[in-house]
Amino acid sequence: MIVVMIAVMYFMLIRPENKKKKAAEEMRSSLKVGDTITTIGGIVGTICAVKEQTIVMETGADRVRIEFTKWAISSKGTQSTEEAPVTEKEEKKEKKDKKDKK
């Protein structure tokens, strides 16, 4: 019974975590100049230079350059949590609903 529990823990917890780590490491090692990235702190920018352990990232229109270690890179591309744009019809309906609740 204990062997079965250990096997279940391995396949449910340990193995998926190792796969995530391996995928993240592959993503970080494949970074190249010009890629858009997001850091673990939420900073979005474009890579200007890639070094062995660090990358130099350019952010925003003011072209600020920041150096990060590779492990601080969360994802390649930008992460978006924005909702879909609200149409005028939906906006009017929401205002009407709020008015009715008062």
N, C-alpha and C. Protein backbone atom coordinates (compact mmCIF):
# COMPACT_ATOMS: atom_id res chain seq x y z
N MET A 1 0.82 -1.20 0.00
CA MET A 1 0.00 0.00 0.00
C MET A 1 0.87 1.27 0.00
N ILE A 2 1.96 1.25 0.76
CA ILE A 2 2.84 2.42 0.83
C ILE A 2 3.51 2.65 -0.52
N VAL A 3 3.88 1.58 -1.20
CA VAL A 3 4.51 1.69 -2.51
C VAL A 3 3.55 2.35 -3.52
N VAL A 4 2.28 1.99 -3.45
CA VAL A 4 1.28 2.57 -4.34
C VAL A 4 1.13 4.06 -4.05
N MET A 5 1.12 4.44 -2.79
CA MET A 5 1.01 5.87 -2.42
C MET A 5 2.21 6.66 -2.92
N ILE A 6 3.40 6.10 -2.81
CA ILE A 6 4.60 6.77 -3.29
C ILE A 6 4.56 6.92 -4.81
N ALA A 7 4.09 5.88 -5.51
CA ALA A 7 3.98 5.94 -6.97
C ALA A 7 2.97 7.01 -7.39
N VAL A 8 1.85 7.08 -6.70
CA VAL A 8 0.83 8.08 -7.00
C VAL A 8 1.39 9.49 -6.77
N MET A 9 2.09 9.68 -5.67
CA MET A 9 2.69 10.99 -5.39
C MET A 9 3.69 11.36 -6.49
N TYR A 10 4.47 10.40 -6.94
CA TYR A 10 5.46 10.67 -7.98
C TYR A 10 4.77 11.13 -9.26
N PHE A 11 3.74 10.40 -9.70
CA PHE A 11 3.09 10.73 -10.97
C PHE A 11 2.17 11.94 -10.86
N MET A 12 1.68 12.26 -9.68
CA MET A 12 0.77 13.40 -9.53
C MET A 12 1.47 14.69 -9.12
N LEU A 13 2.57 14.61 -8.42
CA LEU A 13 3.23 15.81 -7.90
C LEU A 13 4.62 16.05 -8.46
N ILE A 14 5.49 15.10 -8.33
CA ILE A 14 6.90 15.30 -8.65
C ILE A 14 7.14 15.37 -10.16
N ARG A 15 6.60 14.46 -10.92
CA ARG A 15 6.85 14.40 -12.36
C ARG A 15 6.34 15.65 -13.09
N PRO A 16 5.11 16.11 -12.85
CA PRO A 16 4.65 17.33 -13.53
C PRO A 16 5.50 18.56 -13.18
N GLU A 17 5.94 18.65 -11.95
CA GLU A 17 6.78 19.78 -11.54
C GLU A 17 8.11 19.76 -12.29
N ASN A 18 8.70 18.59 -12.44
CA ASN A 18 9.95 18.48 -13.18
C ASN A 18 9.76 18.84 -14.66
N LYS A 19 8.62 18.49 -15.24
CA LYS A 19 8.33 18.84 -16.63
C LYS A 19 8.22 20.36 -16.78
N LYS A 20 7.56 21.02 -15.83
CA LYS A 20 7.43 22.48 -15.88
C LYS A 20 8.79 23.16 -15.78
N LYS A 21 9.63 22.66 -14.89
CA LYS A 21 10.97 23.24 -14.73
C LYS A 21 11.78 23.07 -16.00
N LYS A 22 11.68 21.90 -16.63
CA LYS A 22 12.44 21.65 -17.85
C LYS A 22 11.96 22.54 -18.98
N ALA A 23 10.65 22.72 -19.10
CA ALA A 23 10.10 23.58 -20.16
C ALA A 23 10.52 25.04 -19.94
N ALA A 24 10.51 25.49 -18.69
CA ALA A 24 10.92 26.87 -18.39
C ALA A 24 12.40 27.07 -18.71
N GLU A 25 13.22 26.10 -18.39
CA GLU A 25 14.65 26.20 -18.67
C GLU A 25 14.92 26.23 -20.17
N GLU A 26 14.19 25.41 -20.93
CA GLU A 26 14.33 25.41 -22.39
C GLU A 26 13.92 26.77 -22.97
N MET A 27 12.82 27.34 -22.45
CA MET A 27 12.36 28.64 -22.92
C MET A 27 13.42 29.71 -22.64
N ARG A 28 14.00 29.68 -21.44
CA ARG A 28 15.01 30.69 -21.07
C ARG A 28 16.28 30.53 -21.88
N SER A 29 16.64 29.31 -22.23
CA SER A 29 17.86 29.11 -23.00
C SER A 29 17.67 29.46 -24.48
N SER A 30 16.42 29.51 -24.94
CA SER A 30 16.15 29.81 -26.34
C SER A 30 15.88 31.30 -26.59
N LEU A 31 16.03 32.15 -25.58
CA LEU A 31 15.79 33.58 -25.75
C LEU A 31 16.82 34.17 -26.70
N LYS A 32 16.35 35.09 -27.55
CA LYS A 32 17.26 35.75 -28.48
C LYS A 32 16.89 37.23 -28.59
N VAL A 33 17.77 38.01 -29.16
CA VAL A 33 17.56 39.45 -29.30
C VAL A 33 16.31 39.69 -30.15
N GLY A 34 15.47 40.60 -29.68
CA GLY A 34 14.24 40.94 -30.39
C GLY A 34 12.99 40.28 -29.83
N ASP A 35 13.15 39.27 -28.97
CA ASP A 35 11.99 38.61 -28.36
C ASP A 35 11.33 39.53 -27.35
N THR A 36 10.01 39.48 -27.28
CA THR A 36 9.26 40.19 -26.25
C THR A 36 9.08 39.23 -25.08
N ILE A 37 9.40 39.71 -23.87
CA ILE A 37 9.34 38.85 -22.69
C ILE A 37 8.60 39.54 -21.55
N THR A 38 8.19 38.74 -20.58
CA THR A 38 7.58 39.23 -19.35
C THR A 38 8.38 38.65 -18.19
N THR A 39 8.74 39.51 -17.23
CA THR A 39 9.50 39.04 -16.07
C THR A 39 8.54 38.56 -14.99
N ILE A 40 9.09 37.94 -13.95
CA ILE A 40 8.25 37.46 -12.86
C ILE A 40 7.62 38.62 -12.09
N GLY A 41 8.18 39.81 -12.25
CA GLY A 41 7.62 41.01 -11.61
C GLY A 41 6.59 41.71 -12.47
N GLY A 42 6.37 41.22 -13.70
CA GLY A 42 5.35 41.80 -14.57
C GLY A 42 5.88 42.85 -15.53
N ILE A 43 7.18 43.04 -15.60
CA ILE A 43 7.76 44.02 -16.51
C ILE A 43 7.82 43.41 -17.90
N VAL A 44 7.32 44.14 -18.88
CA VAL A 44 7.29 43.67 -20.27
C VAL A 44 8.28 44.48 -21.07
N GLY A 45 9.05 43.81 -21.92
CA GLY A 45 10.02 44.52 -22.75
C GLY A 45 10.58 43.65 -23.84
N THR A 46 11.52 44.22 -24.59
CA THR A 46 12.16 43.54 -25.70
C THR A 46 13.62 43.29 -25.36
N ILE A 47 14.12 42.13 -25.69
CA ILE A 47 15.51 41.78 -25.39
C ILE A 47 16.45 42.53 -26.31
N CYS A 48 17.49 43.18 -25.71
CA CYS A 48 18.52 43.90 -26.48
C CYS A 48 19.80 43.11 -26.56
N ALA A 49 20.13 42.37 -25.50
CA ALA A 49 21.37 41.59 -25.47
C ALA A 49 21.15 40.36 -24.61
N VAL A 50 21.78 39.25 -25.01
CA VAL A 50 21.70 38.01 -24.26
C VAL A 50 23.12 37.63 -23.85
N LYS A 51 23.31 37.47 -22.53
CA LYS A 51 24.60 37.03 -22.00
C LYS A 51 24.42 35.63 -21.44
N GLU A 52 25.48 35.08 -20.86
CA GLU A 52 25.42 33.70 -20.37
C GLU A 52 24.37 33.52 -19.27
N GLN A 53 24.38 34.37 -18.26
CA GLN A 53 23.45 34.24 -17.13
C GLN A 53 22.42 35.36 -17.06
N THR A 54 22.58 36.41 -17.86
CA THR A 54 21.68 37.56 -17.80
C THR A 54 21.21 37.96 -19.20
N ILE A 55 20.18 38.80 -19.21
CA ILE A 55 19.70 39.41 -20.44
C ILE A 55 19.54 40.90 -20.18
N VAL A 56 19.65 41.70 -21.22
CA VAL A 56 19.39 43.13 -21.13
C VAL A 56 18.10 43.38 -21.88
N MET A 57 17.15 44.02 -21.18
CA MET A 57 15.82 44.23 -21.72
C MET A 57 15.54 45.72 -21.84
N GLU A 58 14.88 46.10 -22.92
CA GLU A 58 14.50 47.49 -23.15
C GLU A 58 13.00 47.60 -22.93
N THR A 59 12.59 48.57 -22.10
CA THR A 59 11.17 48.70 -21.79
C THR A 59 10.63 50.04 -22.26
N GLY A 60 9.41 50.06 -22.67
CA GLY A 60 8.67 51.27 -22.97
C GLY A 60 9.23 52.14 -24.07
N ALA A 61 8.54 53.26 -24.27
CA ALA A 61 8.90 54.21 -25.32
C ALA A 61 10.13 55.02 -24.95
N ASP A 62 10.44 55.11 -23.65
CA ASP A 62 11.61 55.89 -23.23
C ASP A 62 12.91 55.09 -23.34
N ARG A 63 12.80 53.84 -23.78
CA ARG A 63 13.95 52.98 -24.07
C ARG A 63 14.88 52.77 -22.88
N VAL A 64 14.33 52.55 -21.73
CA VAL A 64 15.12 52.24 -20.54
C VAL A 64 15.63 50.82 -20.68
N ARG A 65 16.90 50.61 -20.40
CA ARG A 65 17.49 49.27 -20.47
C ARG A 65 17.75 48.76 -19.07
N ILE A 66 17.30 47.53 -18.81
CA ILE A 66 17.44 46.90 -17.51
C ILE A 66 18.06 45.52 -17.71
N GLU A 67 18.97 45.15 -16.81
CA GLU A 67 19.59 43.83 -16.88
C GLU A 67 18.94 42.91 -15.86
N PHE A 68 18.52 41.72 -16.32
CA PHE A 68 17.89 40.73 -15.46
C PHE A 68 18.65 39.41 -15.57
N THR A 69 18.59 38.62 -14.51
CA THR A 69 19.09 37.25 -14.61
C THR A 69 18.05 36.44 -15.38
N LYS A 70 18.49 35.39 -16.03
CA LYS A 70 17.58 34.61 -16.86
C LYS A 70 16.47 33.94 -16.05
N TRP A 71 16.75 33.58 -14.80
CA TRP A 71 15.72 32.89 -14.02
C TRP A 71 14.55 33.82 -13.69
N ALA A 72 14.72 35.14 -13.87
CA ALA A 72 13.66 36.10 -13.58
C ALA A 72 12.68 36.26 -14.74
N ILE A 73 12.89 35.54 -15.83
CA ILE A 73 12.01 35.64 -16.99
C ILE A 73 10.86 34.66 -16.80
N SER A 74 9.65 35.20 -16.82
CA SER A 74 8.46 34.39 -16.60
C SER A 74 7.98 33.71 -17.88
N SER A 75 7.89 34.50 -18.95
CA SER A 75 7.38 33.93 -20.20
C SER A 75 7.88 34.70 -21.39
N LYS A 76 7.81 34.03 -22.53
CA LYS A 76 8.15 34.65 -23.80
C LYS A 76 6.86 35.22 -24.35
N GLY A 77 6.88 36.45 -24.82
CA GLY A 77 5.66 37.12 -25.26
C GLY A 77 5.05 37.85 -24.08
N THR A 78 3.95 38.52 -24.31
CA THR A 78 3.30 39.27 -23.24
C THR A 78 2.15 38.47 -22.67
N GLN A 79 1.93 38.63 -21.39
CA GLN A 79 0.81 37.98 -20.74
C GLN A 79 -0.31 39.00 -20.64
N SER A 80 -1.47 38.64 -21.07
CA SER A 80 -2.60 39.56 -21.07
C SER A 80 -3.71 39.01 -20.19
N THR A 81 -4.15 39.84 -19.25
CA THR A 81 -5.28 39.46 -18.40
C THR A 81 -6.44 40.41 -18.64
N GLU A 82 -6.35 41.19 -19.71
CA GLU A 82 -7.40 42.13 -20.02
C GLU A 82 -8.64 41.39 -20.50
N GLU A 83 -9.79 42.00 -20.19
CA GLU A 83 -11.04 41.43 -20.67
C GLU A 83 -11.29 41.94 -22.08
N ALA A 84 -12.21 41.31 -22.76
CA ALA A 84 -12.57 41.75 -24.10
C ALA A 84 -13.15 43.16 -24.04
N PRO A 85 -12.93 43.97 -25.06
CA PRO A 85 -13.47 45.33 -25.06
C PRO A 85 -14.98 45.32 -24.95
N VAL A 86 -15.50 46.25 -24.20
CA VAL A 86 -16.93 46.35 -23.98
C VAL A 86 -17.54 47.18 -25.10
N THR A 87 -18.61 46.67 -25.70
CA THR A 87 -19.28 47.41 -26.76
C THR A 87 -20.18 48.48 -26.14
N GLU A 88 -20.59 49.45 -26.96
CA GLU A 88 -21.44 50.53 -26.46
C GLU A 88 -22.76 49.99 -25.94
N LYS A 89 -23.29 48.99 -26.61
CA LYS A 89 -24.57 48.40 -26.21
C LYS A 89 -24.46 47.79 -24.81
N GLU A 90 -23.38 47.03 -24.58
CA GLU A 90 -23.16 46.42 -23.27
C GLU A 90 -22.94 47.48 -22.20
N GLU A 91 -22.22 48.55 -22.56
CA GLU A 91 -21.94 49.62 -21.61
C GLU A 91 -23.24 50.30 -21.18
N LYS A 92 -24.14 50.57 -22.13
CA LYS A 92 -25.43 51.20 -21.81
C LYS A 92 -26.26 50.28 -20.92
N LYS A 93 -26.22 48.97 -21.21
CA LYS A 93 -26.98 48.01 -20.42
C LYS A 93 -26.47 47.96 -18.98
N GLU A 94 -25.12 47.99 -18.81
CA GLU A 94 -24.54 47.99 -17.47
C GLU A 94 -24.94 49.24 -16.70
N LYS A 95 -24.92 50.40 -17.36
CA LYS A 95 -25.32 51.65 -16.70
C LYS A 95 -26.79 51.59 -16.28
N LYS A 96 -27.62 51.04 -17.14
CA LYS A 96 -29.04 50.92 -16.84
C LYS A 96 -29.25 49.99 -15.65
N ASP A 97 -28.53 48.86 -15.61
CA ASP A 97 -28.64 47.92 -14.49
C ASP A 97 -28.21 48.56 -13.19
N LYS A 98 -27.14 49.34 -13.22
CA LYS A 98 -26.67 50.02 -12.02
C LYS A 98 -27.70 51.04 -11.54
N LYS A 99 -28.32 51.74 -12.50
CA LYS A 99 -29.34 52.76 -12.17
C LYS A 99 -30.55 52.08 -11.52
N ASP A 100 -30.95 50.94 -12.06
CA ASP A 100 -32.11 50.21 -11.54
C ASP A 100 -31.85 49.68 -10.12
N LYS A 101 -30.61 49.31 -9.82
CA LYS A 101 -30.28 48.79 -8.50
C LYS A 101 -30.35 49.86 -7.42
N LYS A 102 -30.12 51.10 -7.81
CA LYS A 102 -30.17 52.21 -6.85
C LYS A 102 -31.58 52.48 -6.52
